[in-house]
Amino acid sequence: LHAFDSVPTNNRLHDALRSAYEGERFVKVMATNSTEKLRNGSFLDIDAINGTNLVQIFLFANDSTQEALLVARLDNLGKGASGAAVQNLNIMLGLEESLGL
């Protein structure tokens, strides 16, 4: 989106996130506005991605109030500094990004 081109709606924000992370093996943009998951708190399940190198991005947006909440979930042991270092080294050396993870 370009500044002042349009109002950032839930769908536009979600589309921008999906586009930005399209093809990223370890980043998943989750379904937008899962009100059931928001209300019962299941999107915050701390064990949901344990032992993985994944980052899940959740968007909860309200078009009428023009408010949005962006939440990222990750396993800081799997995706912590050491995992990120291995992943970045693989990329720098032209190796498979997931090698050794």
C-alpha atoms as a PDB file:
ATOM      1  CA  LEU A   1       0.000   0.000   0.000  1.00  0.00           C
ATOM      2  CA  HIS A   2       1.131   3.520  -0.705  1.00  0.00           C
ATOM      3  CA  ALA A   3       0.439   6.263   1.794  1.00  0.00           C
ATOM      4  CA  PHE A   4      -2.996   7.817   1.344  1.00  0.00           C
ATOM      5  CA  ASP A   5      -3.966   5.450  -1.514  1.00  0.00           C
ATOM      6  CA  SER A   6      -6.592   3.667   0.540  1.00  0.00           C
ATOM      7  CA  VAL A   7      -7.739   2.884   4.042  1.00  0.00           C
ATOM      8  CA  PRO A   8      -5.892  -0.145   5.470  1.00  0.00           C
ATOM      9  CA  THR A   9      -8.661  -2.704   5.935  1.00  0.00           C
ATOM     10  CA  ASN A  10      -8.452  -6.149   7.460  1.00  0.00           C
ATOM     11  CA  ASN A  11      -8.323  -7.778   4.023  1.00  0.00           C
ATOM     12  CA  ARG A  12      -5.685  -5.369   2.695  1.00  0.00           C
ATOM     13  CA  LEU A  13      -3.486  -5.849   5.757  1.00  0.00           C
ATOM     14  CA  HIS A  14      -3.811  -9.637   5.546  1.00  0.00           C
ATOM     15  CA  ASP A  15      -3.065  -9.599   1.800  1.00  0.00           C
ATOM     16  CA  ALA A  16       0.022  -7.435   2.409  1.00  0.00           C
ATOM     17  CA  LEU A  17       1.300  -9.849   5.072  1.00  0.00           C
ATOM     18  CA  ARG A  18       0.638 -12.892   2.878  1.00  0.00           C
ATOM     19  CA  SER A  19       2.406 -11.227  -0.029  1.00  0.00           C
ATOM     20  CA  ALA A  20       5.391 -10.199   2.097  1.00  0.00           C
ATOM     21  CA  TYR A  21       5.927 -13.725   3.442  1.00  0.00           C
ATOM     22  CA  GLU A  22       4.875 -15.722   0.385  1.00  0.00           C
ATOM     23  CA  GLY A  23       7.358 -18.508  -0.238  1.00  0.00           C
ATOM     24  CA  GLU A  24       8.969 -18.214   3.200  1.00  0.00           C
ATOM     25  CA  ARG A  25       9.403 -21.722   4.502  1.00  0.00           C
ATOM     26  CA  PHE A  26       9.384 -20.847   8.192  1.00  0.00           C
ATOM     27  CA  VAL A  27       6.818 -18.022   8.320  1.00  0.00           C
ATOM     28  CA  LYS A  28       3.101 -18.720   8.163  1.00  0.00           C
ATOM     29  CA  VAL A  29       0.476 -15.986   8.046  1.00  0.00           C
ATOM     30  CA  MET A  30      -2.516 -17.475   9.807  1.00  0.00           C
ATOM     31  CA  ALA A  31      -6.149 -17.100   8.770  1.00  0.00           C
ATOM     32  CA  THR A  32      -7.395 -13.617   9.458  1.00  0.00           C
ATOM     33  CA  ASN A  33      -9.770 -12.681  12.257  1.00  0.00           C
ATOM     34  CA  SER A  34     -10.482 -16.071  13.727  1.00  0.00           C
ATOM     35  CA  THR A  35     -12.814 -14.624  16.334  1.00  0.00           C
ATOM     36  CA  GLU A  36     -13.372 -18.044  17.884  1.00  0.00           C
ATOM     37  CA  LYS A  37      -9.640 -18.448  18.486  1.00  0.00           C
ATOM     38  CA  LEU A  38      -9.384 -14.866  19.751  1.00  0.00           C
ATOM     39  CA  ARG A  39     -12.288 -15.259  22.176  1.00  0.00           C
ATOM     40  CA  ASN A  40     -11.213 -18.592  23.629  1.00  0.00           C
ATOM     41  CA  GLY A  41      -7.503 -17.742  23.596  1.00  0.00           C
ATOM     42  CA  SER A  42      -6.503 -20.869  21.675  1.00  0.00           C
ATOM     43  CA  PHE A  43      -4.309 -18.859  19.297  1.00  0.00           C
ATOM     44  CA  LEU A  44      -2.064 -18.230  22.306  1.00  0.00           C
ATOM     45  CA  ASP A  45      -1.435 -21.942  22.949  1.00  0.00           C
ATOM     46  CA  ILE A  46       2.183 -21.756  24.058  1.00  0.00           C
ATOM     47  CA  ASP A  47       2.929 -25.356  23.085  1.00  0.00           C
ATOM     48  CA  ALA A  48       1.448 -25.165  19.575  1.00  0.00           C
ATOM     49  CA  ILE A  49       4.761 -24.898  17.711  1.00  0.00           C
ATOM     50  CA  ASN A  50       7.293 -26.160  20.270  1.00  0.00           C
ATOM     51  CA  GLY A  51      10.345 -27.751  18.713  1.00  0.00           C
ATOM     52  CA  THR A  52       9.879 -26.020  15.388  1.00  0.00           C
ATOM     53  CA  ASN A  53      11.587 -23.206  13.556  1.00  0.00           C
ATOM     54  CA  LEU A  54       8.229 -21.668  12.611  1.00  0.00           C
ATOM     55  CA  VAL A  55       6.911 -18.174  13.152  1.00  0.00           C
ATOM     56  CA  GLN A  56       3.140 -17.822  12.944  1.00  0.00           C
ATOM     57  CA  ILE A  57       1.673 -14.365  12.344  1.00  0.00           C
ATOM     58  CA  PHE A  58      -1.885 -13.614  13.465  1.00  0.00           C
ATOM     59  CA  LEU A  59      -3.850 -10.531  12.410  1.00  0.00           C
ATOM     60  CA  PHE A  60      -6.959  -9.405  14.261  1.00  0.00           C
ATOM     61  CA  ALA A  61      -8.420  -6.266  12.692  1.00  0.00           C
ATOM     62  CA  ASN A  62     -11.572  -4.225  13.052  1.00  0.00           C
ATOM     63  CA  ASP A  63     -12.410  -2.179   9.969  1.00  0.00           C
ATOM     64  CA  SER A  64     -15.039  -0.042  11.705  1.00  0.00           C
ATOM     65  CA  THR A  65     -12.649   1.177  14.430  1.00  0.00           C
ATOM     66  CA  GLN A  66      -9.586   1.031  12.155  1.00  0.00           C
ATOM     67  CA  GLU A  67      -7.662  -0.935  14.774  1.00  0.00           C
ATOM     68  CA  ALA A  68      -5.440  -3.943  14.250  1.00  0.00           C
ATOM     69  CA  LEU A  69      -3.577  -6.348  16.498  1.00  0.00           C
ATOM     70  CA  LEU A  70      -0.624  -8.242  15.068  1.00  0.00           C
ATOM     71  CA  VAL A  71       0.693 -11.197  17.087  1.00  0.00           C
ATOM     72  CA  ALA A  72       3.637 -13.449  16.266  1.00  0.00           C
ATOM     73  CA  ARG A  73       4.074 -16.861  17.890  1.00  0.00           C
ATOM     74  CA  LEU A  74       7.400 -18.708  17.906  1.00  0.00           C
ATOM     75  CA  ASP A  75       9.394 -21.177  19.971  1.00  0.00           C
ATOM     76  CA  ASN A  76      12.255 -19.069  21.263  1.00  0.00           C
ATOM     77  CA  LEU A  77      14.356 -22.208  21.839  1.00  0.00           C
ATOM     78  CA  GLY A  78      13.819 -23.535  18.327  1.00  0.00           C
ATOM     79  CA  LYS A  79      13.712 -20.122  16.675  1.00  0.00           C
ATOM     80  CA  GLY A  80      15.967 -18.412  19.201  1.00  0.00           C
ATOM     81  CA  ALA A  81      19.354 -16.856  18.556  1.00  0.00           C
ATOM     82  CA  SER A  82      21.133 -20.142  17.852  1.00  0.00           C
ATOM     83  CA  GLY A  83      18.480 -21.339  15.392  1.00  0.00           C
ATOM     84  CA  ALA A  84      18.468 -17.974  13.647  1.00  0.00           C
ATOM     85  CA  ALA A  85      22.271 -18.039  13.449  1.00  0.00           C
ATOM     86  CA  VAL A  86      22.265 -21.473  11.801  1.00  0.00           C
ATOM     87  CA  GLN A  87      19.526 -20.414   9.387  1.00  0.00           C
ATOM     88  CA  ASN A  88      21.351 -17.186   8.456  1.00  0.00           C
ATOM     89  CA  LEU A  89      24.665 -19.002   8.010  1.00  0.00           C
ATOM     90  CA  ASN A  90      22.980 -21.497   5.677  1.00  0.00           C
ATOM     91  CA  ILE A  91      21.561 -18.643   3.597  1.00  0.00           C
ATOM     92  CA  MET A  92      24.925 -16.844   3.476  1.00  0.00           C
ATOM     93  CA  LEU A  93      26.704 -20.027   2.343  1.00  0.00           C
ATOM     94  CA  GLY A  94      24.061 -20.834  -0.266  1.00  0.00           C
ATOM     95  CA  LEU A  95      22.985 -24.000   1.560  1.00  0.00           C
ATOM     96  CA  GLU A  96      19.477 -25.320   2.151  1.00  0.00           C
ATOM     97  CA  GLU A  97      17.938 -22.897   4.634  1.00  0.00           C
ATOM     98  CA  SER A  98      16.749 -25.672   6.962  1.00  0.00           C
ATOM     99  CA  LEU A  99      20.053 -27.590   7.102  1.00  0.00           C
ATOM    100  CA  GLY A 100      20.869 -28.469  10.708  1.00  0.00           C
ATOM    101  CA  LEU A 101      17.681 -27.047  12.174  1.00  0.00           C
END
